[in-house]
Amino acid sequence: MLISHVPPTLPPLVTNSLLLPALSLSTIWAILLPNVKRSIYFHREDKTNSEDSDDTIAVTDTKDVASPIPLKKTFTEKGVIAYKFLKKDFLAAYTNLYVVKWSIWWGLGAGCYLQLGIEPRTTRAEVARNISEDSYGLIFGVNTLLTLLVQTLITLVVVSSTGLALGPRQQYMVYGGYFVVLGGVFGIFAIKTLFFKKAKDEVLHDPRKYT
């Protein structure tokens, strides 16, 4: 990471002594939390298949009225259902070229922004507009993973001793050039999009010019 001034840090022993109790308490607190009755993937019903589902049995009472009683699903069955919903949301998002475009832009741009200690939010709001609310966690998680992979690659190449191990001034130049290239590519695609949009509008308003 680009550092122009290194602040004083605590000794590793002190840092570990503070982190270990905090992490331990957080883990214990998470274990003691009550189980959730509903969640996006592991406790969600598929409404499309609810009528044809085999997960209920009919019990006839004294009035001969069938009452469906749900059967408790096993962990494996819950995993299969969760995988089905995950796959459905993943494909719904990443088969949308608009989402793919902004996800790539998010990963490449945010990866270097994080390297500089800045967190961009514009691309995140743009992606959220084109996916369902239930898939926010999944898609944002995948894109964040892509962002961290880009940041890790930049760190290995630019900062680490196994890479170029550049100083602060050289890092500024590399990161500046990186964003110039990204901005140029983004500008080219933006101009292309505007050009085709203008041509399409002209065809719609005066189709005789193109026949």
Protein backbone atom coordinates (compact mmCIF):
# COMPACT_ATOMS: atom_id res chain seq x y z
CA MET A 1 0.00 0.00 0.00
CA LEU A 2 1.18 3.52 -0.78
CA ILE A 3 2.55 5.07 2.43
CA SER A 4 4.11 8.50 2.62
CA HIS A 5 4.36 8.58 6.40
CA VAL A 6 4.58 5.55 8.68
CA PRO A 7 2.82 6.20 12.01
CA PRO A 8 4.12 4.54 15.17
CA THR A 9 2.70 1.06 15.68
CA LEU A 10 2.22 -1.17 18.68
CA PRO A 11 4.57 -4.10 19.22
CA PRO A 12 3.23 -7.37 17.76
CA LEU A 13 2.85 -8.93 21.22
CA VAL A 14 0.62 -6.07 22.42
CA THR A 15 -1.41 -6.10 19.21
CA ASN A 16 -2.01 -9.86 19.44
CA SER A 17 -2.89 -9.55 23.12
CA LEU A 18 -5.62 -7.06 22.23
CA LEU A 19 -6.91 -8.85 19.14
CA LEU A 20 -7.13 -12.36 20.58
CA PRO A 21 -9.67 -11.56 23.36
CA ALA A 22 -11.71 -9.38 20.97
CA LEU A 23 -11.90 -12.10 18.31
CA SER A 24 -12.66 -14.75 20.93
CA LEU A 25 -15.53 -12.72 22.40
CA SER A 26 -16.90 -12.06 18.92
CA THR A 27 -16.85 -15.77 18.11
CA ILE A 28 -18.58 -16.72 21.37
CA TRP A 29 -21.19 -14.01 20.84
CA ALA A 30 -21.90 -15.29 17.32
CA ILE A 31 -22.30 -18.88 18.57
CA LEU A 32 -24.76 -17.82 21.28
CA LEU A 33 -27.01 -15.91 18.90
CA PRO A 34 -30.41 -17.60 18.32
CA ASN A 35 -31.05 -19.45 15.07
CA VAL A 36 -32.80 -17.47 12.37
CA LYS A 37 -36.14 -18.72 11.07
CA ARG A 38 -35.77 -17.14 7.65
CA SER A 39 -32.77 -16.26 5.50
CA ILE A 40 -32.17 -15.47 1.87
CA TYR A 41 -30.81 -18.85 0.80
CA PHE A 42 -30.94 -21.50 3.56
CA HIS A 43 -34.43 -20.77 4.88
CA ARG A 44 -36.30 -19.52 1.85
CA GLU A 45 -39.22 -21.27 0.22
CA ASP A 46 -39.47 -21.70 -3.52
CA LYS A 47 -42.95 -20.33 -4.21
CA THR A 48 -42.93 -21.67 -7.75
CA ASN A 49 -42.63 -25.26 -6.57
CA SER A 50 -44.58 -25.00 -3.34
CA GLU A 51 -47.70 -26.59 -4.81
CA ASP A 52 -45.82 -29.55 -6.27
CA SER A 53 -43.42 -30.00 -3.39
CA ASP A 54 -43.05 -33.40 -1.74
CA ASP A 55 -41.98 -31.79 1.54
CA THR A 56 -45.48 -31.99 3.05
CA ILE A 57 -47.70 -34.87 4.07
CA ALA A 58 -51.51 -34.85 4.29
CA VAL A 59 -53.22 -35.79 7.55
CA THR A 60 -56.97 -36.30 7.55
CA ASP A 61 -58.82 -35.12 10.62
CA THR A 62 -62.25 -36.11 11.81
CA LYS A 63 -63.86 -33.86 9.21
CA ASP A 64 -61.87 -35.45 6.37
CA VAL A 65 -60.07 -32.19 5.66
CA ALA A 66 -56.46 -32.65 4.47
CA SER A 67 -54.00 -30.54 6.49
CA PRO A 68 -50.46 -30.31 5.10
CA ILE A 69 -47.74 -30.74 7.70
CA PRO A 70 -44.26 -29.62 6.61
CA LEU A 71 -41.43 -32.07 7.09
CA LYS A 72 -38.18 -30.83 8.58
CA LYS A 73 -35.46 -30.69 5.93
CA THR A 74 -32.05 -32.23 6.51
CA PHE A 75 -28.86 -30.19 6.28
CA THR A 76 -28.10 -31.73 2.88
CA GLU A 77 -31.53 -30.81 1.55
CA LYS A 78 -31.10 -27.25 2.80
CA GLY A 79 -27.70 -27.10 1.10
CA VAL A 80 -29.21 -28.25 -2.21
CA ILE A 81 -31.95 -25.62 -1.97
CA ALA A 82 -29.42 -22.91 -1.08
CA TYR A 83 -27.24 -23.91 -4.03
CA LYS A 84 -30.26 -23.68 -6.33
CA PHE A 85 -31.04 -20.13 -5.21
CA LEU A 86 -27.37 -19.10 -5.32
CA LYS A 87 -27.02 -20.39 -8.86
CA LYS A 88 -30.25 -18.71 -9.92
CA ASP A 89 -29.23 -15.29 -8.55
CA PHE A 90 -25.65 -15.62 -9.85
CA LEU A 91 -26.75 -16.43 -13.39
CA ALA A 92 -29.47 -13.77 -13.33
CA ALA A 93 -26.87 -11.12 -12.47
CA TYR A 94 -23.86 -12.18 -14.52
CA THR A 95 -25.77 -12.94 -17.70
CA ASN A 96 -26.71 -9.26 -17.70
CA LEU A 97 -23.96 -7.59 -19.74
CA TYR A 98 -24.61 -4.26 -18.04
CA VAL A 99 -23.94 -5.82 -14.62
CA VAL A 100 -20.85 -7.62 -15.94
CA LYS A 101 -19.48 -4.36 -17.37
CA TRP A 102 -19.92 -2.45 -14.14
CA SER A 103 -18.64 -5.38 -12.06
CA ILE A 104 -15.40 -5.45 -14.06
CA TRP A 105 -15.11 -1.68 -13.75
CA TRP A 106 -15.80 -2.03 -10.02
CA GLY A 107 -13.08 -4.65 -9.55
CA LEU A 108 -10.39 -2.88 -11.59
CA GLY A 109 -11.11 0.60 -10.23
CA ALA A 110 -11.83 -0.26 -6.60
CA GLY A 111 -8.81 -2.58 -6.40
CA CYS A 112 -6.44 0.33 -6.95
CA TYR A 113 -8.57 2.72 -4.89
CA LEU A 114 -8.28 0.38 -1.91
CA GLN A 115 -4.54 0.27 -2.47
CA LEU A 116 -4.60 4.04 -1.94
CA GLY A 117 -6.90 3.79 1.08
CA ILE A 118 -10.01 5.06 -0.72
CA GLU A 119 -13.30 3.20 -1.08
CA PRO A 120 -15.37 4.11 -4.18
CA ARG A 121 -19.15 3.75 -4.04
CA THR A 122 -20.43 4.92 -7.42
CA THR A 123 -20.08 1.59 -9.21
CA ARG A 124 -21.68 -0.26 -6.26
CA ALA A 125 -24.85 1.90 -6.50
CA GLU A 126 -24.91 1.38 -10.33
CA VAL A 127 -24.73 -2.44 -9.98
CA ALA A 128 -27.43 -2.43 -7.28
CA ARG A 129 -29.89 -0.79 -9.67
CA ASN A 130 -29.79 -3.79 -12.01
CA ILE A 131 -30.01 -6.79 -9.66
CA SER A 132 -32.64 -8.06 -7.26
CA GLU A 133 -32.43 -7.08 -3.61
CA ASP A 134 -32.12 -10.72 -2.52
CA SER A 135 -28.87 -11.07 -4.48
CA TYR A 136 -27.14 -7.95 -3.10
CA GLY A 137 -25.03 -9.94 -0.65
CA LEU A 138 -24.00 -12.56 -3.22
CA ILE A 139 -23.12 -10.17 -6.05
CA PHE A 140 -21.43 -7.61 -3.81
CA GLY A 141 -19.46 -10.44 -2.21
CA VAL A 142 -18.25 -11.77 -5.59
CA ASN A 143 -17.33 -8.27 -6.76
CA THR A 144 -15.54 -7.54 -3.49
CA LEU A 145 -13.54 -10.75 -3.94
CA LEU A 146 -12.58 -9.57 -7.43
CA THR A 147 -11.57 -6.20 -5.96
CA LEU A 148 -9.34 -7.82 -3.32
CA LEU A 149 -7.73 -10.06 -5.95
CA VAL A 150 -6.89 -6.98 -8.03
CA GLN A 151 -5.50 -5.21 -4.96
CA THR A 152 -3.42 -8.27 -4.05
CA LEU A 153 -2.02 -8.46 -7.57
CA ILE A 154 -1.11 -4.75 -7.50
CA THR A 155 0.58 -5.20 -4.12
CA LEU A 156 2.60 -8.18 -5.35
CA VAL A 157 3.72 -6.42 -8.51
CA VAL A 158 4.28 -2.85 -7.27
CA VAL A 159 5.00 -2.97 -3.54
CA SER A 160 6.30 -6.36 -2.41
CA SER A 161 9.94 -7.36 -2.43
CA THR A 162 9.16 -10.19 -4.85
CA GLY A 163 7.89 -7.60 -7.33
CA LEU A 164 9.16 -4.17 -8.27
CA ALA A 165 9.35 -2.88 -4.66
CA LEU A 166 8.86 0.71 -5.81
CA GLY A 167 9.17 3.73 -3.57
CA PRO A 168 6.32 6.20 -2.86
CA ARG A 169 7.11 8.48 -5.82
CA GLN A 170 7.30 5.61 -8.29
CA GLN A 171 4.07 4.16 -6.87
CA TYR A 172 2.29 7.46 -7.52
CA MET A 173 3.41 7.27 -11.14
CA VAL A 174 2.29 3.66 -11.56
CA TYR A 175 -1.12 4.23 -9.98
CA GLY A 176 -1.60 7.44 -11.97
CA GLY A 177 -0.81 5.61 -15.21
CA TYR A 178 -3.13 2.79 -14.18
CA PHE A 179 -6.06 5.18 -13.80
CA VAL A 180 -5.18 7.01 -17.01
CA VAL A 181 -5.45 3.71 -18.92
CA LEU A 182 -8.73 2.80 -17.16
CA GLY A 183 -10.12 6.26 -17.83
CA GLY A 184 -9.12 6.04 -21.50
CA VAL A 185 -10.80 2.66 -21.95
CA PHE A 186 -13.91 3.85 -20.15
CA GLY A 187 -13.99 7.02 -22.27
CA ILE A 188 -13.71 5.02 -25.50
CA PHE A 189 -16.64 2.79 -24.54
CA ALA A 190 -18.65 5.82 -23.41
CA ILE A 191 -18.12 7.57 -26.76
CA LYS A 192 -18.99 4.36 -28.60
CA THR A 193 -22.21 4.00 -26.59
CA LEU A 194 -23.21 7.61 -27.24
CA PHE A 195 -22.47 7.26 -30.97
CA PHE A 196 -24.62 4.15 -31.38
CA LYS A 197 -27.37 5.67 -29.25
CA LYS A 198 -27.40 8.79 -31.45
CA ALA A 199 -27.45 6.68 -34.63
CA LYS A 200 -30.31 4.59 -33.24
CA ASP A 201 -32.31 7.70 -32.37
CA GLU A 202 -31.79 9.05 -35.90
CA VAL A 203 -33.05 5.80 -37.41
CA LEU A 204 -36.14 5.89 -35.23
CA HIS A 205 -36.91 9.51 -36.09
CA ASP A 206 -36.14 9.32 -39.85
CA PRO A 207 -35.89 5.69 -41.05
CA ARG A 208 -36.04 6.75 -44.74
CA LYS A 209 -32.43 8.00 -44.55
CA TYR A 210 -31.20 4.44 -43.96
CA THR A 211 -33.40 2.55 -46.42
